[in-house]
Amino acid sequence: EGIASSVAYRAELLGRELGAGVAMASLEGEASALLWRGVRDVAPFVARADRAVWRVSVPPTRGPGLLRDLAARIGAEGYCDWGGGLVWLGVDPAGDAGAAEIRAAVGQDGHATLVRAPAEIRAAVPVFHPQAPALAALSARVKRTYDPAGILNPGRMVAGA
């Protein structure tokens, strides 16, 4: 999207980078708006109760590989946005809804948030990615400073806080 001459130039460069064997298409107006609404609203997973939904943020160069790896290891379905930095995953909600595998794959250079899963899984699996120890300690100090009585949504964001 953007200024027509800039879009044309970038599309030409992308076409050259991808090579002659790759078909390209351009969406404009309502067709483009519809596509990006679907990406934003996680349309591929909205009507699928058979999938737990994860929102994963990693450095953009890691997104496509992470998606391929999780597809092979746990049968995850997904797509990338933000140039690969945002990965939406749909996984089987059984067990921990893929939490252990997903969080291990993400490591400490990103985070994975459980967006949708059955109630029993949401009760058992932390919604937010575990913080590194130093960051967790800092977060706890900030929480204690602004909520010394511990009355503001206790345990809602992080267990024990």
N, C-alpha and C. Protein backbone atom coordinates (compact mmCIF):
# COMPACT_ATOMS: atom_id res chain seq x y z
N GLU A 1 0.84 -1.18 0.00
CA GLU A 1 0.00 0.00 0.00
C GLU A 1 0.87 1.23 0.00
N GLY A 2 0.31 2.34 -0.38
CA GLY A 2 1.07 3.58 -0.39
C GLY A 2 0.90 4.31 -1.71
N ILE A 3 1.85 5.18 -2.01
CA ILE A 3 1.84 5.96 -3.23
C ILE A 3 2.00 5.01 -4.42
N ALA A 4 1.18 5.19 -5.45
CA ALA A 4 1.12 4.26 -6.57
C ALA A 4 2.50 3.98 -7.19
N SER A 5 3.31 5.02 -7.40
CA SER A 5 4.61 4.80 -8.01
C SER A 5 5.53 3.99 -7.09
N SER A 6 5.44 4.21 -5.79
CA SER A 6 6.24 3.46 -4.84
C SER A 6 5.80 2.00 -4.80
N VAL A 7 4.50 1.76 -4.81
CA VAL A 7 3.98 0.40 -4.80
C VAL A 7 4.43 -0.34 -6.05
N ALA A 8 4.34 0.31 -7.21
CA ALA A 8 4.74 -0.31 -8.47
C ALA A 8 6.23 -0.67 -8.43
N TYR A 9 7.03 0.24 -7.93
CA TYR A 9 8.47 0.01 -7.85
C TYR A 9 8.78 -1.18 -6.93
N ARG A 10 8.19 -1.20 -5.75
CA ARG A 10 8.44 -2.29 -4.80
C ARG A 10 7.93 -3.62 -5.32
N ALA A 11 6.78 -3.60 -6.02
CA ALA A 11 6.25 -4.84 -6.60
C ALA A 11 7.19 -5.37 -7.67
N GLU A 12 7.77 -4.48 -8.46
CA GLU A 12 8.72 -4.89 -9.50
C GLU A 12 9.97 -5.51 -8.85
N LEU A 13 10.50 -4.87 -7.81
CA LEU A 13 11.67 -5.44 -7.11
C LEU A 13 11.35 -6.80 -6.50
N LEU A 14 10.18 -6.92 -5.90
CA LEU A 14 9.78 -8.19 -5.30
C LEU A 14 9.67 -9.26 -6.36
N GLY A 15 9.06 -8.92 -7.49
CA GLY A 15 8.95 -9.88 -8.60
C GLY A 15 10.30 -10.38 -9.06
N ARG A 16 11.27 -9.46 -9.17
CA ARG A 16 12.62 -9.86 -9.56
C ARG A 16 13.25 -10.77 -8.50
N GLU A 17 13.06 -10.43 -7.25
CA GLU A 17 13.64 -11.22 -6.15
C GLU A 17 13.05 -12.62 -6.12
N LEU A 18 11.75 -12.75 -6.34
CA LEU A 18 11.09 -14.05 -6.29
C LEU A 18 11.41 -14.91 -7.50
N GLY A 19 11.66 -14.29 -8.63
CA GLY A 19 12.00 -15.03 -9.84
C GLY A 19 10.83 -15.23 -10.77
N ALA A 20 11.14 -15.67 -11.96
CA ALA A 20 10.14 -15.78 -13.03
C ALA A 20 9.09 -16.86 -12.77
N GLY A 21 9.40 -17.87 -11.99
CA GLY A 21 8.46 -18.96 -11.79
C GLY A 21 7.38 -18.70 -10.76
N VAL A 22 7.35 -17.52 -10.17
CA VAL A 22 6.38 -17.22 -9.11
C VAL A 22 5.32 -16.27 -9.66
N ALA A 23 4.07 -16.67 -9.52
CA ALA A 23 2.96 -15.81 -9.96
C ALA A 23 2.69 -14.76 -8.90
N MET A 24 2.47 -13.54 -9.33
CA MET A 24 2.15 -12.45 -8.41
C MET A 24 0.80 -11.87 -8.78
N ALA A 25 0.10 -11.36 -7.80
CA ALA A 25 -1.18 -10.70 -8.02
C ALA A 25 -1.22 -9.44 -7.17
N SER A 26 -2.01 -8.50 -7.57
CA SER A 26 -2.15 -7.24 -6.84
C SER A 26 -3.61 -7.08 -6.43
N LEU A 27 -3.82 -6.69 -5.20
CA LEU A 27 -5.18 -6.43 -4.71
C LEU A 27 -5.32 -4.94 -4.46
N GLU A 28 -6.46 -4.42 -4.84
CA GLU A 28 -6.71 -3.00 -4.64
C GLU A 28 -8.09 -2.79 -4.04
N GLY A 29 -8.28 -1.63 -3.46
CA GLY A 29 -9.58 -1.22 -2.94
C GLY A 29 -10.16 -2.18 -1.94
N GLU A 30 -11.43 -2.54 -2.13
CA GLU A 30 -12.15 -3.39 -1.18
C GLU A 30 -11.52 -4.78 -1.06
N ALA A 31 -10.99 -5.32 -2.15
CA ALA A 31 -10.35 -6.65 -2.10
C ALA A 31 -9.14 -6.62 -1.16
N SER A 32 -8.37 -5.55 -1.23
CA SER A 32 -7.21 -5.40 -0.33
C SER A 32 -7.67 -5.23 1.11
N ALA A 33 -8.67 -4.38 1.31
CA ALA A 33 -9.19 -4.15 2.67
C ALA A 33 -9.73 -5.44 3.27
N LEU A 34 -10.41 -6.23 2.47
CA LEU A 34 -10.96 -7.51 2.94
C LEU A 34 -9.85 -8.47 3.36
N LEU A 35 -8.81 -8.56 2.54
CA LEU A 35 -7.68 -9.43 2.87
C LEU A 35 -7.06 -9.02 4.21
N TRP A 36 -6.75 -7.73 4.37
CA TRP A 36 -6.06 -7.28 5.58
C TRP A 36 -6.96 -7.34 6.80
N ARG A 37 -8.27 -7.21 6.63
CA ARG A 37 -9.20 -7.42 7.76
C ARG A 37 -9.13 -8.88 8.21
N GLY A 38 -9.07 -9.79 7.25
CA GLY A 38 -8.97 -11.21 7.58
C GLY A 38 -7.69 -11.55 8.32
N VAL A 39 -6.59 -10.92 7.91
CA VAL A 39 -5.31 -11.13 8.61
C VAL A 39 -5.42 -10.59 10.03
N ARG A 40 -5.92 -9.38 10.16
CA ARG A 40 -6.05 -8.74 11.48
C ARG A 40 -6.96 -9.53 12.41
N ASP A 41 -8.06 -10.04 11.86
CA ASP A 41 -9.07 -10.71 12.68
C ASP A 41 -8.82 -12.22 12.84
N VAL A 42 -7.71 -12.70 12.33
CA VAL A 42 -7.33 -14.11 12.41
C VAL A 42 -8.45 -14.98 11.82
N ALA A 43 -8.97 -14.54 10.69
CA ALA A 43 -10.12 -15.19 10.03
C ALA A 43 -9.95 -16.69 9.81
N PRO A 44 -8.76 -17.19 9.46
CA PRO A 44 -8.66 -18.65 9.24
C PRO A 44 -9.00 -19.49 10.47
N PHE A 45 -8.95 -18.91 11.67
CA PHE A 45 -9.18 -19.70 12.88
C PHE A 45 -10.44 -19.30 13.65
N VAL A 46 -11.10 -18.21 13.26
CA VAL A 46 -12.24 -17.70 14.03
C VAL A 46 -13.34 -18.74 14.18
N ALA A 47 -13.73 -19.36 13.11
CA ALA A 47 -14.86 -20.29 13.16
C ALA A 47 -14.44 -21.73 13.48
N ARG A 48 -13.19 -21.94 13.81
CA ARG A 48 -12.69 -23.30 14.03
C ARG A 48 -12.50 -23.57 15.52
N ALA A 49 -13.51 -24.14 16.12
CA ALA A 49 -13.43 -24.48 17.54
C ALA A 49 -12.45 -25.61 17.79
N ASP A 50 -12.03 -26.31 16.72
CA ASP A 50 -11.09 -27.41 16.86
C ASP A 50 -9.64 -26.94 16.95
N ARG A 51 -9.41 -25.64 17.01
CA ARG A 51 -8.05 -25.11 17.07
C ARG A 51 -7.91 -24.13 18.22
N ALA A 52 -6.85 -24.29 19.01
CA ALA A 52 -6.45 -23.26 19.96
C ALA A 52 -5.66 -22.24 19.15
N VAL A 53 -5.70 -20.98 19.54
CA VAL A 53 -5.05 -19.92 18.77
C VAL A 53 -3.96 -19.27 19.61
N TRP A 54 -2.78 -19.15 19.01
CA TRP A 54 -1.62 -18.51 19.63
C TRP A 54 -1.18 -17.32 18.80
N ARG A 55 -0.73 -16.27 19.47
CA ARG A 55 -0.14 -15.10 18.84
C ARG A 55 1.32 -15.07 19.26
N VAL A 56 2.21 -15.24 18.29
CA VAL A 56 3.64 -15.35 18.57
C VAL A 56 4.37 -14.17 17.94
N SER A 57 5.19 -13.53 18.73
CA SER A 57 6.00 -12.41 18.25
C SER A 57 7.47 -12.79 18.36
N VAL A 58 8.18 -12.74 17.23
CA VAL A 58 9.60 -13.08 17.18
C VAL A 58 10.29 -12.11 16.22
N PRO A 59 11.61 -12.09 16.19
CA PRO A 59 12.28 -11.29 15.16
C PRO A 59 11.78 -11.75 13.78
N PRO A 60 11.52 -10.83 12.87
CA PRO A 60 10.92 -11.19 11.57
C PRO A 60 11.65 -12.29 10.81
N THR A 61 12.95 -12.39 10.93
CA THR A 61 13.66 -13.44 10.20
C THR A 61 13.37 -14.83 10.76
N ARG A 62 12.85 -14.91 11.98
CA ARG A 62 12.57 -16.22 12.60
C ARG A 62 11.17 -16.74 12.32
N GLY A 63 10.23 -15.85 11.98
CA GLY A 63 8.83 -16.25 11.86
C GLY A 63 8.56 -17.40 10.91
N PRO A 64 8.96 -17.30 9.64
CA PRO A 64 8.66 -18.39 8.71
C PRO A 64 9.26 -19.73 9.12
N GLY A 65 10.48 -19.74 9.61
CA GLY A 65 11.10 -20.99 10.06
C GLY A 65 10.40 -21.57 11.27
N LEU A 66 10.02 -20.70 12.20
CA LEU A 66 9.30 -21.16 13.39
C LEU A 66 7.97 -21.80 12.97
N LEU A 67 7.27 -21.19 12.03
CA LEU A 67 6.01 -21.74 11.56
C LEU A 67 6.22 -23.10 10.90
N ARG A 68 7.23 -23.22 10.05
CA ARG A 68 7.53 -24.52 9.41
C ARG A 68 7.86 -25.58 10.46
N ASP A 69 8.68 -25.21 11.45
CA ASP A 69 9.09 -26.15 12.48
C ASP A 69 7.89 -26.63 13.30
N LEU A 70 7.05 -25.71 13.71
CA LEU A 70 5.89 -26.09 14.52
C LEU A 70 4.84 -26.84 13.71
N ALA A 71 4.75 -26.56 12.43
CA ALA A 71 3.85 -27.33 11.56
C ALA A 71 4.31 -28.78 11.51
N ALA A 72 5.61 -28.98 11.39
CA ALA A 72 6.15 -30.34 11.31
C ALA A 72 6.07 -31.06 12.65
N ARG A 73 6.35 -30.36 13.74
CA ARG A 73 6.42 -31.01 15.06
C ARG A 73 5.07 -31.23 15.72
N ILE A 74 4.15 -30.25 15.62
CA ILE A 74 2.88 -30.39 16.34
C ILE A 74 1.66 -30.20 15.45
N GLY A 75 1.87 -30.13 14.14
CA GLY A 75 0.73 -29.98 13.23
C GLY A 75 0.10 -28.60 13.27
N ALA A 76 0.88 -27.59 13.66
CA ALA A 76 0.35 -26.23 13.72
C ALA A 76 0.04 -25.73 12.31
N GLU A 77 -1.01 -24.96 12.22
CA GLU A 77 -1.33 -24.22 11.00
C GLU A 77 -1.08 -22.76 11.33
N GLY A 78 -0.78 -21.96 10.34
CA GLY A 78 -0.58 -20.56 10.67
C GLY A 78 -0.22 -19.70 9.50
N TYR A 79 0.02 -18.45 9.81
CA TYR A 79 0.49 -17.50 8.81
C TYR A 79 1.25 -16.40 9.51
N CYS A 80 2.08 -15.72 8.73
CA CYS A 80 2.93 -14.66 9.25
C CYS A 80 2.41 -13.29 8.81
N ASP A 81 2.61 -12.31 9.65
CA ASP A 81 2.33 -10.92 9.34
C ASP A 81 3.55 -10.13 9.81
N TRP A 82 3.54 -8.83 9.64
CA TRP A 82 4.63 -7.96 10.07
C TRP A 82 5.97 -8.43 9.51
N GLY A 83 6.00 -8.84 8.26
CA GLY A 83 7.24 -9.29 7.65
C GLY A 83 7.82 -10.53 8.29
N GLY A 84 7.00 -11.33 8.95
CA GLY A 84 7.44 -12.55 9.62
C GLY A 84 7.54 -12.43 11.12
N GLY A 85 7.41 -11.21 11.65
CA GLY A 85 7.57 -11.00 13.09
C GLY A 85 6.36 -11.38 13.93
N LEU A 86 5.20 -11.48 13.30
CA LEU A 86 3.99 -11.89 14.01
C LEU A 86 3.51 -13.18 13.36
N VAL A 87 3.39 -14.22 14.15
CA VAL A 87 2.95 -15.52 13.64
C VAL A 87 1.67 -15.90 14.37
N TRP A 88 0.62 -16.15 13.62
CA TRP A 88 -0.62 -16.65 14.19
C TRP A 88 -0.64 -18.15 13.99
N LEU A 89 -0.90 -18.89 15.06
CA LEU A 89 -0.91 -20.34 15.01
C LEU A 89 -2.26 -20.89 15.43
N GLY A 90 -2.71 -21.90 14.72
CA GLY A 90 -3.86 -22.70 15.13
C GLY A 90 -3.34 -24.10 15.42
N VAL A 91 -3.61 -24.60 16.62
CA VAL A 91 -3.09 -25.92 17.01
C VAL A 91 -4.20 -26.74 17.66
N ASP A 92 -3.97 -28.04 17.72
CA ASP A 92 -4.89 -28.94 18.41
C ASP A 92 -4.94 -28.52 19.88
N PRO A 93 -6.15 -28.31 20.43
CA PRO A 93 -6.23 -27.84 21.81
C PRO A 93 -6.02 -28.93 22.87
N ALA A 94 -5.71 -30.13 22.45
CA ALA A 94 -5.52 -31.21 23.43
C ALA A 94 -4.27 -30.96 24.27
N GLY A 95 -4.23 -31.58 25.43
CA GLY A 95 -3.07 -31.46 26.33
C GLY A 95 -2.89 -30.02 26.77
N ASP A 96 -1.73 -29.46 26.44
CA ASP A 96 -1.45 -28.07 26.82
C ASP A 96 -1.60 -27.12 25.63
N ALA A 97 -2.30 -27.57 24.58
CA ALA A 97 -2.52 -26.77 23.37
C ALA A 97 -1.19 -26.36 22.73
N GLY A 98 -0.19 -27.23 22.84
CA GLY A 98 1.10 -26.96 22.22
C GLY A 98 1.99 -26.00 22.98
N ALA A 99 1.60 -25.61 24.20
CA ALA A 99 2.34 -24.59 24.94
C ALA A 99 3.82 -24.92 25.10
N ALA A 100 4.13 -26.12 25.52
CA ALA A 100 5.53 -26.47 25.78
C ALA A 100 6.36 -26.37 24.50
N GLU A 101 5.85 -26.93 23.41
CA GLU A 101 6.58 -26.90 22.13
C GLU A 101 6.70 -25.48 21.59
N ILE A 102 5.61 -24.73 21.64
CA ILE A 102 5.61 -23.37 21.09
C ILE A 102 6.55 -22.48 21.89
N ARG A 103 6.45 -22.53 23.19
CA ARG A 103 7.30 -21.66 24.02
C ARG A 103 8.77 -22.06 23.94
N ALA A 104 9.05 -23.34 23.80
CA ALA A 104 10.44 -23.77 23.62
C ALA A 104 10.97 -23.26 22.27
N ALA A 105 10.15 -23.31 21.24
CA ALA A 105 10.57 -22.85 19.92
C ALA A 105 10.81 -21.34 19.91
N VAL A 106 9.99 -20.60 20.65
CA VAL A 106 10.13 -19.14 20.70
C VAL A 106 11.35 -18.75 21.52
N GLY A 107 11.58 -19.43 22.64
CA GLY A 107 12.71 -19.11 23.50
C GLY A 107 12.57 -17.75 24.14
N GLN A 108 13.69 -17.09 24.39
CA GLN A 108 13.67 -15.80 25.07
C GLN A 108 13.76 -14.61 24.12
N ASP A 109 13.80 -14.85 22.81
CA ASP A 109 13.87 -13.71 21.90
C ASP A 109 12.52 -13.40 21.26
N GLY A 110 11.46 -13.77 21.96
CA GLY A 110 10.11 -13.48 21.51
C GLY A 110 9.13 -13.84 22.60
N HIS A 111 7.86 -13.87 22.25
CA HIS A 111 6.87 -14.32 23.22
C HIS A 111 5.67 -14.91 22.51
N ALA A 112 5.02 -15.82 23.21
CA ALA A 112 3.84 -16.51 22.69
C ALA A 112 2.70 -16.30 23.67
N THR A 113 1.57 -15.84 23.15
CA THR A 113 0.39 -15.58 23.97
C THR A 113 -0.73 -16.51 23.53
N LEU A 114 -1.31 -17.23 24.47
CA LEU A 114 -2.44 -18.10 24.19
C LEU A 114 -3.68 -17.21 24.10
N VAL A 115 -4.23 -17.09 22.91
CA VAL A 115 -5.36 -16.19 22.67
C VAL A 115 -6.68 -16.91 22.88
N ARG A 116 -6.77 -18.16 22.41
CA ARG A 116 -8.04 -18.89 22.56
C ARG A 116 -7.76 -20.36 22.77
N ALA A 117 -8.45 -20.93 23.75
CA ALA A 117 -8.38 -22.37 24.03
C ALA A 117 -9.57 -22.70 24.93
N PRO A 118 -9.91 -23.97 25.04
CA PRO A 118 -10.97 -24.35 25.98
C PRO A 118 -10.65 -23.88 27.40
N ALA A 119 -11.68 -23.65 28.19
CA ALA A 119 -11.53 -23.10 29.54
C ALA A 119 -10.57 -23.91 30.40
N GLU A 120 -10.62 -25.24 30.32
CA GLU A 120 -9.75 -26.06 31.17
C GLU A 120 -8.28 -25.87 30.81
N ILE A 121 -7.98 -25.63 29.55
CA ILE A 121 -6.59 -25.38 29.15
C ILE A 121 -6.16 -23.98 29.58
N ARG A 122 -7.05 -23.01 29.41
CA ARG A 122 -6.72 -21.64 29.83
C ARG A 122 -6.49 -21.57 31.33
N ALA A 123 -7.16 -22.43 32.09
CA ALA A 123 -6.96 -22.46 33.55
C ALA A 123 -5.63 -23.11 33.92
N ALA A 124 -5.13 -24.01 33.06
CA ALA A 124 -3.92 -24.76 33.38
C ALA A 124 -2.65 -24.20 32.73
N VAL A 125 -2.80 -23.49 31.62
CA VAL A 125 -1.64 -23.00 30.87
C VAL A 125 -1.55 -21.48 31.02
N PRO A 126 -0.41 -20.95 31.45
CA PRO A 126 -0.28 -19.49 31.53
C PRO A 126 -0.52 -18.87 30.15
N VAL A 127 -1.32 -17.83 30.11
CA VAL A 127 -1.66 -17.16 28.86
C VAL A 127 -0.43 -16.48 28.27
N PHE A 128 0.37 -15.85 29.11
CA PHE A 128 1.52 -15.08 28.65
C PHE A 128 2.81 -15.88 28.72
N HIS A 129 3.71 -15.58 27.83
CA HIS A 129 5.01 -16.22 27.77
C HIS A 129 5.77 -15.96 29.07
N PRO A 130 6.43 -16.96 29.63
CA PRO A 130 7.21 -16.73 30.85
C PRO A 130 8.30 -15.69 30.61
N GLN A 131 8.44 -14.80 31.56
CA GLN A 131 9.47 -13.77 31.45
C GLN A 131 10.81 -14.30 31.94
N ALA A 132 11.87 -13.72 31.38
CA ALA A 132 13.21 -14.04 31.88
C ALA A 132 13.25 -13.64 33.36
N PRO A 133 14.04 -14.32 34.19
CA PRO A 133 14.05 -14.05 35.63
C PRO A 133 14.25 -12.57 36.00
N ALA A 134 15.17 -11.89 35.36
CA ALA A 134 15.42 -10.48 35.70
C ALA A 134 14.20 -9.62 35.37
N LEU A 135 13.58 -9.88 34.23
CA LEU A 135 12.39 -9.11 33.85
C LEU A 135 11.21 -9.44 34.76
N ALA A 136 11.07 -10.70 35.15
CA ALA A 136 10.00 -11.10 36.06
C ALA A 136 10.17 -10.40 37.41
N ALA A 137 11.40 -10.30 37.89
CA ALA A 137 11.66 -9.62 39.16
C ALA A 137 11.33 -8.13 39.05
N LEU A 138 11.71 -7.51 37.95
CA LEU A 138 11.39 -6.10 37.74
C LEU A 138 9.88 -5.89 37.67
N SER A 139 9.18 -6.74 36.93
CA SER A 139 7.72 -6.63 36.82
C SER A 139 7.06 -6.77 38.19
N ALA A 140 7.55 -7.71 38.99
CA ALA A 140 6.99 -7.91 40.33
C ALA A 140 7.20 -6.67 41.20
N ARG A 141 8.38 -6.05 41.09
CA ARG A 141 8.65 -4.83 41.87
C ARG A 141 7.74 -3.69 41.43
N VAL A 142 7.53 -3.54 40.14
CA VAL A 142 6.63 -2.49 39.64
C VAL A 142 5.21 -2.75 40.14
N LYS A 143 4.76 -3.98 40.07
CA LYS A 143 3.41 -4.33 40.54
C LYS A 143 3.28 -4.02 42.03
N ARG A 144 4.27 -4.41 42.84
CA ARG A 144 4.21 -4.13 44.28
C ARG A 144 4.21 -2.63 44.56
N THR A 145 4.95 -1.86 43.75
CA THR A 145 5.03 -0.42 43.96
C THR A 145 3.67 0.24 43.70
N TYR A 146 3.01 -0.14 42.62
CA TYR A 146 1.74 0.50 42.25
C TYR A 146 0.52 -0.18 42.85
N ASP A 147 0.69 -1.38 43.39
CA ASP A 147 -0.43 -2.11 43.98
C ASP A 147 0.05 -2.84 45.23
N PRO A 148 0.48 -2.09 46.26
CA PRO A 148 1.06 -2.73 47.44
C PRO A 148 0.09 -3.67 48.17
N ALA A 149 -1.20 -3.41 48.06
CA ALA A 149 -2.17 -4.28 48.72
C ALA A 149 -2.54 -5.49 47.87
N GLY A 150 -2.06 -5.53 46.63
CA GLY A 150 -2.34 -6.68 45.75
C GLY A 150 -3.80 -6.84 45.39
N ILE A 151 -4.53 -5.71 45.20
CA ILE A 151 -5.96 -5.80 44.92
C ILE A 151 -6.32 -5.65 43.43
N LEU A 152 -5.36 -5.21 42.62
CA LEU A 152 -5.64 -4.97 41.20
C LEU A 152 -5.41 -6.24 40.38
N ASN A 153 -6.50 -6.93 40.07
CA ASN A 153 -6.46 -8.15 39.24
C ASN A 153 -5.38 -9.14 39.68
N PRO A 154 -5.41 -9.59 40.92
CA PRO A 154 -4.38 -10.52 41.37
C PRO A 154 -4.37 -11.80 40.54
N GLY A 155 -3.19 -12.17 40.07
CA GLY A 155 -3.02 -13.40 39.30
C GLY A 155 -3.53 -13.36 37.88
N ARG A 156 -4.12 -12.25 37.45
CA ARG A 156 -4.71 -12.21 36.11
C ARG A 156 -3.65 -12.20 35.01
N MET A 157 -2.59 -11.45 35.19
CA MET A 157 -1.56 -11.37 34.16
C MET A 157 -0.46 -12.42 34.37
N VAL A 158 -0.05 -12.58 35.60
CA VAL A 158 1.02 -13.52 35.95
C VAL A 158 0.63 -14.18 37.28
N ALA A 159 0.79 -15.48 37.33
CA ALA A 159 0.47 -16.20 38.58
C ALA A 159 1.31 -15.63 39.72
N GLY A 160 0.66 -15.41 40.85
CA GLY A 160 1.36 -14.91 42.03
C GLY A 160 1.58 -13.42 42.07
N ALA A 161 1.11 -12.71 41.08
CA ALA A 161 1.32 -11.24 41.08
C ALA A 161 -0.02 -10.52 41.06
